[in-house]
């Protein structure tokens, strides 16, 4: 049996204080290649903390996180950055686009950091924007794009490095119903093309679009479907 693409084993995450905050309590989760998983829970339930650990942006207090079957505990910061760049793509609620850069330039940014040549950066960024239906918007800045289009640019930026999994943190949180439908349809298309997706959300309607739903409450997980 092949190893899971991502696996949390008895993971806890605590933050010091008086009293200490126990954000994750003995979490076990396996995400296989090609999964579409929604992790749903209210504010403060620990879902963003778990996403940060899955994305190698934070470390467990105890327990183990395996990515592509390999432990991540002993990776230093350089190693974690390298793995993130190769394996993971991120989509955030607030888009995080540079306002004075075009869609093409925003999507190209991760490839600049990886040292890709300019011609390759532009070609791959154009391909990523076409993939999310924005081939005609490559020269538009974020301020003249709709909210849904800006989130599509953010998805294209996540895809441009050709990751194995996309982690999305409340990707529809700043969108109205129509734009939310656009992004969820895009996620379904990407999943249909073989992309592994993990979506953090408080919206049960968004979660219901995934193939698996996991609920987190007070730092503990329970499988819903």
N, C-alpha and C. Protein backbone atom coordinates (compact mmCIF):
# COMPACT_ATOMS: atom_id res chain seq x y z
N UNK A 1 0.85 -1.20 0.00
CA UNK A 1 0.00 0.00 0.00
C UNK A 1 0.89 1.25 0.00
N UNK A 2 0.62 2.18 -0.92
CA UNK A 2 1.46 3.36 -1.01
C UNK A 2 1.19 4.32 0.14
N UNK A 3 2.21 5.10 0.48
CA UNK A 3 2.08 6.05 1.57
C UNK A 3 1.17 7.21 1.16
N UNK A 4 0.52 7.81 2.15
CA UNK A 4 -0.29 9.00 1.88
C UNK A 4 0.61 10.14 1.43
N UNK A 5 0.06 11.04 0.63
CA UNK A 5 0.81 12.21 0.22
C UNK A 5 1.13 13.10 1.42
N UNK A 6 0.17 13.27 2.31
CA UNK A 6 0.34 14.07 3.52
C UNK A 6 -0.25 13.27 4.68
N UNK A 7 0.47 13.23 5.80
CA UNK A 7 -0.05 12.48 6.94
C UNK A 7 0.37 13.12 8.26
N UNK A 8 -0.63 13.42 9.07
CA UNK A 8 -0.41 13.89 10.43
C UNK A 8 -0.62 12.72 11.38
N UNK A 9 0.34 12.50 12.28
CA UNK A 9 0.25 11.41 13.25
C UNK A 9 0.31 11.96 14.67
N UNK A 10 -0.81 11.89 15.37
CA UNK A 10 -0.90 12.32 16.78
C UNK A 10 -0.31 13.72 16.98
N UNK A 11 -0.65 14.63 16.08
CA UNK A 11 -0.07 15.97 16.11
C UNK A 11 -0.79 16.86 17.12
N UNK A 12 0.00 17.53 17.95
CA UNK A 12 -0.52 18.57 18.82
C UNK A 12 0.19 19.89 18.47
N UNK A 13 -0.49 20.99 18.77
CA UNK A 13 0.15 22.30 18.67
C UNK A 13 -0.36 23.15 19.80
N UNK A 14 0.56 23.56 20.67
CA UNK A 14 0.22 24.38 21.83
C UNK A 14 0.99 25.68 21.77
N UNK A 15 0.39 26.72 22.28
CA UNK A 15 1.02 28.04 22.34
C UNK A 15 1.10 28.47 23.80
N UNK A 16 2.25 28.95 24.24
CA UNK A 16 2.42 29.29 25.65
C UNK A 16 1.54 30.46 26.06
N UNK A 17 1.16 30.46 27.31
CA UNK A 17 0.33 31.53 27.86
C UNK A 17 -0.18 31.11 29.21
N UNK A 18 -1.03 31.93 29.77
CA UNK A 18 -1.62 31.63 31.07
C UNK A 18 -3.14 31.82 30.98
N UNK A 19 -3.86 30.77 30.61
CA UNK A 19 -3.38 29.39 30.39
C UNK A 19 -2.83 29.20 28.98
N UNK A 20 -2.14 28.08 28.75
CA UNK A 20 -1.66 27.74 27.42
C UNK A 20 -2.84 27.46 26.49
N UNK A 21 -2.64 27.74 25.20
CA UNK A 21 -3.66 27.47 24.19
C UNK A 21 -3.29 26.18 23.47
N UNK A 22 -4.20 25.21 23.49
CA UNK A 22 -3.98 23.93 22.83
C UNK A 22 -4.79 23.94 21.53
N UNK A 23 -4.15 24.36 20.45
CA UNK A 23 -4.85 24.55 19.18
C UNK A 23 -5.16 23.22 18.49
N UNK A 24 -4.26 22.25 18.60
CA UNK A 24 -4.47 20.91 18.03
C UNK A 24 -4.22 19.88 19.12
N UNK A 25 -5.09 18.86 19.17
CA UNK A 25 -5.01 17.87 20.24
C UNK A 25 -5.03 16.46 19.64
N UNK A 26 -3.85 15.91 19.40
CA UNK A 26 -3.75 14.53 18.93
C UNK A 26 -4.39 14.28 17.58
N UNK A 27 -4.07 15.12 16.60
CA UNK A 27 -4.71 15.05 15.29
C UNK A 27 -4.06 13.97 14.42
N UNK A 28 -4.90 13.12 13.82
CA UNK A 28 -4.48 12.14 12.82
C UNK A 28 -5.23 12.45 11.53
N UNK A 29 -4.49 12.58 10.44
CA UNK A 29 -5.13 12.87 9.15
C UNK A 29 -4.22 12.37 8.04
N UNK A 30 -4.81 11.66 7.07
CA UNK A 30 -4.08 11.20 5.89
C UNK A 30 -4.77 11.76 4.66
N UNK A 31 -3.99 12.37 3.77
CA UNK A 31 -4.49 12.90 2.50
C UNK A 31 -3.75 12.18 1.38
N UNK A 32 -4.50 11.47 0.54
CA UNK A 32 -3.90 10.71 -0.54
C UNK A 32 -3.80 11.56 -1.81
N UNK A 33 -2.94 11.12 -2.72
CA UNK A 33 -2.83 11.75 -4.03
C UNK A 33 -4.20 11.79 -4.69
N UNK A 34 -4.61 12.98 -5.16
CA UNK A 34 -5.88 13.11 -5.85
C UNK A 34 -7.07 13.35 -4.95
N UNK A 35 -6.87 13.42 -3.63
CA UNK A 35 -7.97 13.73 -2.69
C UNK A 35 -8.45 15.16 -2.87
N UNK A 36 -9.70 15.39 -2.50
CA UNK A 36 -10.26 16.74 -2.38
C UNK A 36 -10.90 16.77 -1.00
N UNK A 37 -10.19 17.37 -0.04
CA UNK A 37 -10.58 17.34 1.37
C UNK A 37 -10.96 18.74 1.84
N UNK A 38 -12.09 18.87 2.49
CA UNK A 38 -12.47 20.11 3.16
C UNK A 38 -12.35 19.90 4.66
N UNK A 39 -11.71 20.85 5.32
CA UNK A 39 -11.60 20.83 6.78
C UNK A 39 -12.43 22.01 7.28
N UNK A 40 -13.53 21.69 7.97
CA UNK A 40 -14.51 22.70 8.33
C UNK A 40 -14.58 22.84 9.84
N UNK A 41 -14.76 24.07 10.28
CA UNK A 41 -14.88 24.33 11.70
C UNK A 41 -15.04 25.81 11.95
N UNK A 42 -15.54 26.18 13.12
CA UNK A 42 -15.73 27.59 13.44
C UNK A 42 -14.40 28.30 13.69
N UNK A 43 -14.46 29.61 13.79
CA UNK A 43 -13.28 30.40 14.13
C UNK A 43 -12.71 29.93 15.47
N UNK A 44 -11.38 29.76 15.52
CA UNK A 44 -10.73 29.35 16.74
C UNK A 44 -10.71 27.85 16.98
N UNK A 45 -11.16 27.07 15.99
CA UNK A 45 -11.23 25.62 16.19
C UNK A 45 -9.90 24.93 15.95
N UNK A 46 -8.94 25.63 15.31
CA UNK A 46 -7.63 25.03 15.05
C UNK A 46 -7.38 24.74 13.58
N UNK A 47 -8.32 25.07 12.70
CA UNK A 47 -8.17 24.68 11.30
C UNK A 47 -7.03 25.43 10.60
N UNK A 48 -6.85 26.71 10.89
CA UNK A 48 -5.75 27.44 10.26
C UNK A 48 -4.40 26.99 10.81
N UNK A 49 -4.36 26.64 12.10
CA UNK A 49 -3.13 26.08 12.68
C UNK A 49 -2.76 24.79 11.96
N UNK A 50 -3.75 23.95 11.69
CA UNK A 50 -3.47 22.70 10.99
C UNK A 50 -2.99 22.97 9.56
N UNK A 51 -3.59 23.94 8.89
CA UNK A 51 -3.14 24.28 7.54
C UNK A 51 -1.69 24.75 7.56
N UNK A 52 -1.33 25.55 8.55
CA UNK A 52 0.04 26.03 8.65
C UNK A 52 1.03 24.88 8.83
N UNK A 53 0.63 23.85 9.57
CA UNK A 53 1.50 22.69 9.74
C UNK A 53 1.58 21.90 8.44
N UNK A 54 0.42 21.67 7.78
CA UNK A 54 0.42 20.97 6.50
C UNK A 54 1.26 21.71 5.46
N UNK A 55 1.27 23.04 5.54
CA UNK A 55 2.02 23.85 4.59
C UNK A 55 3.46 24.12 4.99
N UNK A 56 3.93 23.48 6.05
CA UNK A 56 5.31 23.66 6.54
C UNK A 56 5.59 25.11 6.93
N UNK A 57 4.54 25.81 7.35
CA UNK A 57 4.70 27.17 7.84
C UNK A 57 4.83 27.19 9.36
N UNK A 58 4.55 26.06 9.99
CA UNK A 58 4.63 25.92 11.44
C UNK A 58 5.01 24.47 11.73
N UNK A 59 5.41 24.19 12.96
CA UNK A 59 5.82 22.85 13.35
C UNK A 59 4.92 22.33 14.47
N UNK A 60 4.66 21.02 14.49
CA UNK A 60 3.90 20.47 15.62
C UNK A 60 4.67 20.61 16.93
N UNK A 61 3.93 20.72 18.01
CA UNK A 61 4.56 20.67 19.33
C UNK A 61 4.98 19.24 19.64
N UNK A 62 4.10 18.30 19.36
CA UNK A 62 4.42 16.88 19.44
C UNK A 62 3.76 16.18 18.26
N UNK A 63 4.16 14.94 18.03
CA UNK A 63 3.62 14.19 16.90
C UNK A 63 4.49 14.34 15.67
N UNK A 64 4.00 13.83 14.56
CA UNK A 64 4.82 13.75 13.35
C UNK A 64 4.00 14.12 12.13
N UNK A 65 4.64 14.85 11.21
CA UNK A 65 4.04 15.19 9.92
C UNK A 65 4.91 14.60 8.83
N UNK A 66 4.32 13.69 8.03
CA UNK A 66 5.02 13.09 6.89
C UNK A 66 4.46 13.68 5.60
N UNK A 67 5.36 14.10 4.73
CA UNK A 67 4.98 14.64 3.43
C UNK A 67 5.68 13.81 2.36
N UNK A 68 4.91 13.30 1.42
CA UNK A 68 5.42 12.36 0.41
C UNK A 68 6.09 11.15 1.06
N UNK A 69 5.58 10.76 2.23
CA UNK A 69 6.09 9.61 2.93
C UNK A 69 7.33 9.84 3.77
N UNK A 70 7.84 11.08 3.78
CA UNK A 70 9.07 11.38 4.51
C UNK A 70 8.79 12.29 5.71
N UNK A 71 9.41 12.04 6.85
CA UNK A 71 9.23 12.92 8.02
C UNK A 71 9.75 14.33 7.72
N UNK A 72 9.07 15.31 8.29
CA UNK A 72 9.48 16.70 8.09
C UNK A 72 10.08 17.32 9.35
N UNK A 73 10.08 16.57 10.44
CA UNK A 73 10.48 17.12 11.74
C UNK A 73 11.88 17.71 11.72
N UNK A 74 12.81 17.02 11.06
CA UNK A 74 14.21 17.45 11.11
C UNK A 74 14.61 18.41 10.00
N UNK A 75 13.67 18.80 9.15
CA UNK A 75 14.00 19.76 8.10
C UNK A 75 14.31 21.13 8.71
N UNK A 76 15.40 21.74 8.27
CA UNK A 76 15.67 23.11 8.71
C UNK A 76 14.86 24.07 7.84
N UNK A 77 15.00 25.37 8.10
CA UNK A 77 14.17 26.35 7.39
C UNK A 77 14.44 26.33 5.89
N UNK A 78 15.69 26.14 5.49
CA UNK A 78 16.02 26.09 4.07
C UNK A 78 15.36 24.87 3.43
N UNK A 79 15.43 23.75 4.11
CA UNK A 79 14.82 22.53 3.59
C UNK A 79 13.31 22.64 3.49
N UNK A 80 12.69 23.26 4.48
CA UNK A 80 11.24 23.43 4.46
C UNK A 80 10.81 24.35 3.32
N UNK A 81 11.58 25.41 3.10
CA UNK A 81 11.28 26.32 2.00
C UNK A 81 11.39 25.60 0.66
N UNK A 82 12.40 24.78 0.50
CA UNK A 82 12.60 24.05 -0.75
C UNK A 82 11.45 23.07 -1.00
N UNK A 83 11.01 22.38 0.05
CA UNK A 83 9.91 21.43 -0.10
C UNK A 83 8.61 22.17 -0.43
N UNK A 84 8.36 23.28 0.25
CA UNK A 84 7.16 24.08 -0.06
C UNK A 84 7.14 24.49 -1.53
N UNK A 85 8.27 24.97 -2.02
CA UNK A 85 8.34 25.45 -3.40
C UNK A 85 8.09 24.33 -4.41
N UNK A 86 8.47 23.12 -4.05
CA UNK A 86 8.36 22.00 -4.98
C UNK A 86 7.02 21.28 -4.90
N UNK A 87 6.43 21.21 -3.71
CA UNK A 87 5.28 20.33 -3.50
C UNK A 87 3.98 21.09 -3.30
N UNK A 88 4.01 22.28 -2.70
CA UNK A 88 2.82 22.94 -2.20
C UNK A 88 2.50 24.24 -2.92
N UNK A 89 1.22 24.44 -3.19
CA UNK A 89 0.72 25.73 -3.66
C UNK A 89 -0.28 26.26 -2.65
N UNK A 90 -0.33 27.58 -2.46
CA UNK A 90 -1.17 28.19 -1.43
C UNK A 90 -2.15 29.19 -2.04
N UNK A 91 -3.39 29.15 -1.54
CA UNK A 91 -4.41 30.14 -1.89
C UNK A 91 -4.98 30.67 -0.59
N UNK A 92 -5.00 32.01 -0.44
CA UNK A 92 -5.45 32.63 0.80
C UNK A 92 -6.71 33.45 0.58
N UNK A 93 -7.41 33.73 1.66
CA UNK A 93 -8.66 34.48 1.61
C UNK A 93 -8.46 35.87 0.99
N UNK A 94 -7.34 36.52 1.32
CA UNK A 94 -7.15 37.93 0.95
C UNK A 94 -6.34 38.13 -0.32
N UNK A 95 -6.20 37.09 -1.13
CA UNK A 95 -5.56 37.15 -2.45
C UNK A 95 -4.05 37.39 -2.39
N UNK A 96 -3.60 38.41 -1.63
CA UNK A 96 -2.19 38.75 -1.51
C UNK A 96 -1.54 39.02 -2.86
N UNK A 97 -2.21 39.83 -3.69
CA UNK A 97 -1.66 40.22 -4.98
C UNK A 97 -1.00 41.59 -4.87
N UNK A 98 0.06 41.80 -5.64
CA UNK A 98 0.71 43.10 -5.67
C UNK A 98 -0.09 44.04 -6.56
N UNK A 99 -0.59 45.16 -5.99
CA UNK A 99 -1.56 45.99 -6.73
C UNK A 99 -1.01 46.65 -7.98
N UNK A 100 0.29 46.91 -8.04
CA UNK A 100 0.85 47.61 -9.19
C UNK A 100 1.43 46.66 -10.24
N UNK A 101 1.24 45.37 -10.02
CA UNK A 101 1.74 44.38 -10.98
C UNK A 101 0.56 43.75 -11.72
N UNK A 102 0.79 43.39 -12.97
CA UNK A 102 -0.26 42.75 -13.76
C UNK A 102 -0.51 41.34 -13.25
N UNK A 103 -1.59 40.75 -13.74
CA UNK A 103 -1.88 39.36 -13.39
C UNK A 103 -0.71 38.47 -13.78
N UNK A 104 -0.15 38.69 -14.95
CA UNK A 104 0.99 37.88 -15.40
C UNK A 104 2.18 38.03 -14.46
N UNK A 105 2.46 39.25 -14.04
CA UNK A 105 3.60 39.48 -13.15
C UNK A 105 3.35 38.86 -11.77
N UNK A 106 2.13 38.96 -11.28
CA UNK A 106 1.81 38.36 -9.97
C UNK A 106 1.98 36.85 -10.01
N UNK A 107 1.51 36.23 -11.07
CA UNK A 107 1.61 34.77 -11.18
C UNK A 107 3.06 34.34 -11.36
N UNK A 108 3.87 35.17 -11.98
CA UNK A 108 5.28 34.84 -12.23
C UNK A 108 6.14 34.87 -10.98
N UNK A 109 5.68 35.55 -9.93
CA UNK A 109 6.53 35.80 -8.76
C UNK A 109 7.16 34.55 -8.16
N UNK A 110 6.42 33.47 -7.93
CA UNK A 110 7.07 32.28 -7.33
C UNK A 110 8.21 31.75 -8.17
N UNK A 111 8.14 31.93 -9.49
CA UNK A 111 9.19 31.43 -10.37
C UNK A 111 10.42 32.33 -10.33
N UNK A 112 10.22 33.61 -10.01
CA UNK A 112 11.38 34.50 -9.81
C UNK A 112 12.18 34.01 -8.62
N UNK A 113 11.47 33.68 -7.53
CA UNK A 113 12.15 33.22 -6.32
C UNK A 113 12.87 31.89 -6.54
N UNK A 114 12.35 31.07 -7.47
CA UNK A 114 13.00 29.79 -7.73
C UNK A 114 14.12 29.90 -8.75
N UNK A 115 14.31 31.09 -9.33
CA UNK A 115 15.42 31.31 -10.26
C UNK A 115 15.15 30.88 -11.69
N UNK A 116 13.88 30.68 -12.07
CA UNK A 116 13.56 30.28 -13.44
C UNK A 116 13.87 31.41 -14.41
N UNK A 117 14.35 31.11 -15.62
CA UNK A 117 14.63 32.16 -16.62
C UNK A 117 13.36 32.93 -16.98
N UNK A 118 13.54 34.16 -17.45
CA UNK A 118 12.40 35.04 -17.71
C UNK A 118 11.43 34.44 -18.73
N UNK A 119 11.95 33.89 -19.82
CA UNK A 119 11.07 33.33 -20.85
C UNK A 119 10.23 32.19 -20.29
N UNK A 120 10.84 31.36 -19.46
CA UNK A 120 10.10 30.25 -18.85
C UNK A 120 9.05 30.78 -17.88
N UNK A 121 9.41 31.81 -17.10
CA UNK A 121 8.45 32.39 -16.15
C UNK A 121 7.21 32.88 -16.88
N UNK A 122 7.41 33.61 -17.96
CA UNK A 122 6.28 34.18 -18.68
C UNK A 122 5.43 33.09 -19.32
N UNK A 123 6.06 32.11 -19.91
CA UNK A 123 5.32 31.03 -20.55
C UNK A 123 4.48 30.25 -19.56
N UNK A 124 5.08 29.91 -18.42
CA UNK A 124 4.36 29.13 -17.42
C UNK A 124 3.26 29.97 -16.76
N UNK A 125 3.49 31.26 -16.55
CA UNK A 125 2.47 32.12 -15.96
C UNK A 125 1.28 32.26 -16.92
N UNK A 126 1.55 32.42 -18.21
CA UNK A 126 0.46 32.49 -19.19
C UNK A 126 -0.35 31.19 -19.20
N UNK A 127 0.36 30.08 -19.16
CA UNK A 127 -0.34 28.78 -19.14
C UNK A 127 -1.22 28.65 -17.91
N UNK A 128 -0.70 29.08 -16.74
CA UNK A 128 -1.48 28.98 -15.50
C UNK A 128 -2.72 29.87 -15.56
N UNK A 129 -2.58 31.07 -16.13
CA UNK A 129 -3.73 31.98 -16.23
C UNK A 129 -4.76 31.43 -17.23
N UNK A 130 -4.30 30.83 -18.31
CA UNK A 130 -5.24 30.18 -19.23
C UNK A 130 -5.97 29.04 -18.52
N UNK A 131 -5.26 28.32 -17.68
CA UNK A 131 -5.85 27.16 -16.99
C UNK A 131 -7.00 27.57 -16.09
N UNK A 132 -6.95 28.78 -15.53
CA UNK A 132 -8.03 29.25 -14.65
C UNK A 132 -8.99 30.18 -15.38
N UNK A 133 -8.91 30.22 -16.71
CA UNK A 133 -9.86 30.98 -17.50
C UNK A 133 -9.59 32.47 -17.59
N UNK A 134 -8.34 32.88 -17.39
CA UNK A 134 -8.00 34.31 -17.43
C UNK A 134 -6.98 34.62 -18.52
N UNK A 135 -7.00 33.87 -19.59
CA UNK A 135 -6.05 34.12 -20.67
C UNK A 135 -6.18 35.50 -21.29
N UNK A 136 -7.36 36.09 -21.21
CA UNK A 136 -7.58 37.42 -21.77
C UNK A 136 -7.32 38.54 -20.76
N UNK A 137 -6.88 38.19 -19.56
CA UNK A 137 -6.68 39.19 -18.50
C UNK A 137 -5.22 39.27 -18.06
N UNK A 138 -4.30 38.74 -18.82
CA UNK A 138 -2.91 38.64 -18.35
C UNK A 138 -2.29 40.00 -18.07
N UNK A 139 -2.72 41.05 -18.76
CA UNK A 139 -2.11 42.37 -18.58
C UNK A 139 -2.92 43.28 -17.67
N UNK A 140 -3.94 42.75 -17.01
CA UNK A 140 -4.78 43.54 -16.12
C UNK A 140 -4.19 43.55 -14.72
N UNK A 141 -4.25 44.73 -14.06
CA UNK A 141 -3.84 44.82 -12.67
C UNK A 141 -5.01 44.41 -11.77
N UNK A 142 -4.73 44.03 -10.52
CA UNK A 142 -5.79 43.57 -9.62
C UNK A 142 -6.92 44.58 -9.41
N UNK A 143 -6.61 45.88 -9.46
CA UNK A 143 -7.65 46.87 -9.16
C UNK A 143 -8.73 46.95 -10.22
N UNK A 144 -8.52 46.36 -11.39
CA UNK A 144 -9.56 46.36 -12.42
C UNK A 144 -10.11 44.95 -12.66
N UNK A 145 -9.81 44.06 -11.75
CA UNK A 145 -10.36 42.71 -11.81
C UNK A 145 -11.44 42.56 -10.74
N UNK A 146 -12.41 41.72 -10.99
CA UNK A 146 -13.43 41.43 -9.97
C UNK A 146 -12.81 40.58 -8.86
N UNK A 147 -13.53 40.45 -7.74
CA UNK A 147 -13.03 39.62 -6.65
C UNK A 147 -12.78 38.19 -7.09
N UNK A 148 -13.72 37.64 -7.87
CA UNK A 148 -13.53 36.28 -8.34
C UNK A 148 -12.33 36.14 -9.26
N UNK A 149 -12.11 37.15 -10.11
CA UNK A 149 -10.95 37.12 -11.00
C UNK A 149 -9.65 37.24 -10.21
N UNK A 150 -9.65 38.08 -9.18
CA UNK A 150 -8.44 38.19 -8.36
C UNK A 150 -8.11 36.87 -7.67
N UNK A 151 -9.15 36.17 -7.20
CA UNK A 151 -8.89 34.87 -6.58
C UNK A 151 -8.42 33.85 -7.62
N UNK A 152 -8.90 33.97 -8.85
CA UNK A 152 -8.41 33.10 -9.91
C UNK A 152 -6.93 33.36 -10.21
N UNK A 153 -6.54 34.62 -10.16
CA UNK A 153 -5.11 34.94 -10.31
C UNK A 153 -4.32 34.29 -9.18
N UNK A 154 -4.86 34.36 -7.96
CA UNK A 154 -4.18 33.74 -6.81
C UNK A 154 -4.07 32.23 -7.00
N UNK A 155 -5.12 31.61 -7.56
CA UNK A 155 -5.06 30.16 -7.83
C UNK A 155 -4.01 29.87 -8.90
N UNK A 156 -3.97 30.70 -9.94
CA UNK A 156 -2.96 30.52 -10.99
C UNK A 156 -1.56 30.63 -10.41
N UNK A 157 -1.36 31.57 -9.49
CA UNK A 157 -0.05 31.72 -8.85
C UNK A 157 0.31 30.46 -8.05
N UNK A 158 -0.70 29.84 -7.42
CA UNK A 158 -0.45 28.59 -6.70
C UNK A 158 -0.09 27.46 -7.64
N UNK A 159 -0.66 27.47 -8.85
CA UNK A 159 -0.45 26.38 -9.80
C UNK A 159 0.83 26.51 -10.60
N UNK A 160 1.38 27.71 -10.69
CA UNK A 160 2.48 27.95 -11.64
C UNK A 160 3.73 27.15 -11.29
N UNK A 161 3.91 26.79 -10.04
CA UNK A 161 5.08 25.99 -9.66
C UNK A 161 4.85 24.49 -9.88
N UNK A 162 3.66 24.14 -10.38
CA UNK A 162 3.29 22.74 -10.63
C UNK A 162 3.36 21.89 -9.36
N UNK A 163 2.63 22.33 -8.32
CA UNK A 163 2.68 21.62 -7.04
C UNK A 163 1.92 20.30 -7.11
N UNK A 164 2.14 19.46 -6.12
CA UNK A 164 1.37 18.22 -6.01
C UNK A 164 0.07 18.44 -5.26
N UNK A 165 0.01 19.48 -4.44
CA UNK A 165 -1.19 19.74 -3.65
C UNK A 165 -1.38 21.24 -3.51
N UNK A 166 -2.63 21.69 -3.54
CA UNK A 166 -2.98 23.09 -3.28
C UNK A 166 -3.69 23.16 -1.94
N UNK A 167 -3.19 24.01 -1.06
CA UNK A 167 -3.79 24.29 0.24
C UNK A 167 -4.50 25.64 0.16
N UNK A 168 -5.79 25.65 0.45
CA UNK A 168 -6.58 26.88 0.35
C UNK A 168 -7.18 27.22 1.70
N UNK A 169 -6.90 28.43 2.19
CA UNK A 169 -7.38 28.88 3.49
C UNK A 169 -8.51 29.89 3.29
N UNK A 170 -9.74 29.46 3.54
CA UNK A 170 -10.94 30.30 3.37
C UNK A 170 -10.92 31.00 2.00
N UNK A 171 -10.81 30.25 0.90
CA UNK A 171 -10.61 30.87 -0.41
C UNK A 171 -11.80 31.67 -0.91
N UNK A 172 -12.98 31.46 -0.31
CA UNK A 172 -14.17 32.21 -0.73
C UNK A 172 -14.63 33.20 0.32
N UNK A 173 -13.83 33.40 1.36
CA UNK A 173 -14.24 34.22 2.49
C UNK A 173 -14.53 35.66 2.14
N UNK A 174 -13.89 36.21 1.08
CA UNK A 174 -14.11 37.59 0.68
C UNK A 174 -14.97 37.72 -0.57
N UNK A 175 -15.68 36.64 -0.95
CA UNK A 175 -16.41 36.64 -2.21
C UNK A 175 -17.91 36.52 -1.97
N UNK A 176 -18.70 37.09 -2.90
CA UNK A 176 -20.15 36.94 -2.83
C UNK A 176 -20.54 35.56 -3.41
N UNK A 177 -21.84 35.28 -3.41
CA UNK A 177 -22.30 33.96 -3.82
C UNK A 177 -21.91 33.59 -5.24
N UNK A 178 -22.04 34.54 -6.17
CA UNK A 178 -21.70 34.24 -7.57
C UNK A 178 -20.22 33.96 -7.73
N UNK A 179 -19.37 34.77 -7.09
CA UNK A 179 -17.92 34.57 -7.20
C UNK A 179 -17.48 33.30 -6.47
N UNK A 180 -18.16 33.00 -5.36
CA UNK A 180 -17.87 31.74 -4.66
C UNK A 180 -18.12 30.55 -5.58
N UNK A 181 -19.22 30.60 -6.31
CA UNK A 181 -19.54 29.51 -7.25
C UNK A 181 -18.45 29.39 -8.33
N UNK A 182 -17.94 30.51 -8.80
CA UNK A 182 -16.87 30.49 -9.80
C UNK A 182 -15.64 29.74 -9.27
N UNK A 183 -15.24 30.08 -8.04
CA UNK A 183 -14.03 29.48 -7.48
C UNK A 183 -14.25 28.01 -7.17
N UNK A 184 -15.42 27.66 -6.64
CA UNK A 184 -15.67 26.26 -6.33
C UNK A 184 -15.75 25.41 -7.60
N UNK A 185 -16.31 25.97 -8.67
CA UNK A 185 -16.33 25.25 -9.96
C UNK A 185 -14.92 25.07 -10.48
N UNK A 186 -14.08 26.09 -10.30
CA UNK A 186 -12.67 25.99 -10.70
C UNK A 186 -11.97 24.89 -9.92
N UNK A 187 -12.19 24.84 -8.61
CA UNK A 187 -11.57 23.79 -7.79
C UNK A 187 -12.02 22.40 -8.26
N UNK A 188 -13.29 22.27 -8.59
CA UNK A 188 -13.77 20.97 -9.08
C UNK A 188 -13.11 20.60 -10.40
N UNK A 189 -12.90 21.58 -11.27
CA UNK A 189 -12.20 21.32 -12.53
C UNK A 189 -10.76 20.87 -12.27
N UNK A 190 -10.09 21.56 -11.35
CA UNK A 190 -8.70 21.21 -11.04
C UNK A 190 -8.63 19.80 -10.44
N UNK A 191 -9.57 19.49 -9.56
CA UNK A 191 -9.60 18.15 -8.98
C UNK A 191 -9.83 17.10 -10.06
N UNK A 192 -10.70 17.43 -11.01
CA UNK A 192 -10.95 16.52 -12.11
C UNK A 192 -9.73 16.28 -12.97
N UNK A 193 -8.80 17.23 -12.96
CA UNK A 193 -7.55 17.09 -13.71
C UNK A 193 -6.46 16.38 -12.89
N UNK A 194 -6.81 15.97 -11.67
CA UNK A 194 -5.88 15.20 -10.85
C UNK A 194 -5.21 15.95 -9.72
N UNK A 195 -5.55 17.23 -9.53
CA UNK A 195 -4.94 18.01 -8.47
C UNK A 195 -5.46 17.57 -7.10
N UNK A 196 -4.56 17.49 -6.13
CA UNK A 196 -4.93 17.24 -4.73
C UNK A 196 -5.26 18.57 -4.08
N UNK A 197 -6.40 18.65 -3.42
CA UNK A 197 -6.85 19.90 -2.81
C UNK A 197 -7.19 19.69 -1.34
N UNK A 198 -6.75 20.63 -0.51
CA UNK A 198 -7.15 20.68 0.89
C UNK A 198 -7.67 22.09 1.15
N UNK A 199 -8.94 22.21 1.48
CA UNK A 199 -9.60 23.50 1.63
C UNK A 199 -10.05 23.67 3.08
N UNK A 200 -9.58 24.74 3.70
CA UNK A 200 -10.00 25.11 5.05
C UNK A 200 -11.15 26.11 4.92
N UNK A 201 -12.26 25.85 5.61
CA UNK A 201 -13.41 26.74 5.48
C UNK A 201 -14.29 26.65 6.72
N UNK A 202 -15.03 27.72 6.97
CA UNK A 202 -16.09 27.68 7.99
C UNK A 202 -17.45 27.52 7.33
N UNK A 203 -17.47 27.54 5.98
CA UNK A 203 -18.70 27.52 5.20
C UNK A 203 -19.07 26.07 4.86
N UNK A 204 -20.16 25.57 5.43
CA UNK A 204 -20.54 24.17 5.18
C UNK A 204 -20.93 23.94 3.73
N UNK A 205 -21.43 24.98 3.05
CA UNK A 205 -21.75 24.84 1.64
C UNK A 205 -20.51 24.64 0.79
N UNK A 206 -19.46 25.37 1.10
CA UNK A 206 -18.18 25.18 0.40
C UNK A 206 -17.62 23.81 0.72
N UNK A 207 -17.68 23.40 1.98
CA UNK A 207 -17.16 22.10 2.38
C UNK A 207 -17.88 20.96 1.66
N UNK A 208 -19.19 21.12 1.44
CA UNK A 208 -19.98 20.05 0.82
C UNK A 208 -19.56 19.77 -0.61
N UNK A 209 -18.83 20.70 -1.24
CA UNK A 209 -18.38 20.48 -2.62
C UNK A 209 -17.19 19.53 -2.69
N UNK A 210 -16.52 19.31 -1.56
CA UNK A 210 -15.35 18.43 -1.53
C UNK A 210 -15.80 16.97 -1.53
N UNK A 211 -14.85 16.07 -1.78
CA UNK A 211 -15.16 14.64 -1.76
C UNK A 211 -15.06 14.06 -0.35
N UNK A 212 -14.28 14.70 0.51
CA UNK A 212 -14.19 14.31 1.92
C UNK A 212 -14.36 15.56 2.77
N UNK A 213 -15.08 15.42 3.86
CA UNK A 213 -15.24 16.53 4.80
C UNK A 213 -14.77 16.06 6.17
N UNK A 214 -13.88 16.85 6.76
CA UNK A 214 -13.37 16.58 8.09
C UNK A 214 -13.71 17.78 8.96
N UNK A 215 -14.32 17.52 10.11
CA UNK A 215 -14.68 18.61 11.03
C UNK A 215 -13.64 18.70 12.14
N UNK A 216 -13.27 19.95 12.47
CA UNK A 216 -12.38 20.19 13.60
C UNK A 216 -13.12 21.01 14.63
N UNK A 217 -13.08 20.54 15.87
CA UNK A 217 -13.73 21.21 16.99
C UNK A 217 -12.79 21.16 18.18
N UNK A 218 -12.45 22.34 18.69
CA UNK A 218 -11.54 22.42 19.85
C UNK A 218 -10.27 21.62 19.61
N UNK A 219 -9.75 21.67 18.38
CA UNK A 219 -8.47 21.04 18.08
C UNK A 219 -8.52 19.55 17.83
N UNK A 220 -9.72 18.97 17.76
CA UNK A 220 -9.86 17.54 17.51
C UNK A 220 -10.63 17.31 16.21
N UNK A 221 -10.22 16.29 15.45
CA UNK A 221 -10.83 16.00 14.17
C UNK A 221 -11.86 14.89 14.28
N UNK A 222 -12.87 14.98 13.41
CA UNK A 222 -13.81 13.88 13.21
C UNK A 222 -14.17 13.84 11.75
N UNK A 223 -14.17 12.66 11.15
CA UNK A 223 -14.51 12.50 9.73
C UNK A 223 -16.02 12.60 9.58
N UNK A 224 -16.45 13.47 8.64
CA UNK A 224 -17.88 13.63 8.38
C UNK A 224 -18.29 12.76 7.20
N UNK A 225 -17.50 12.78 6.14
CA UNK A 225 -17.81 11.97 4.96
C UNK A 225 -16.57 11.79 4.12
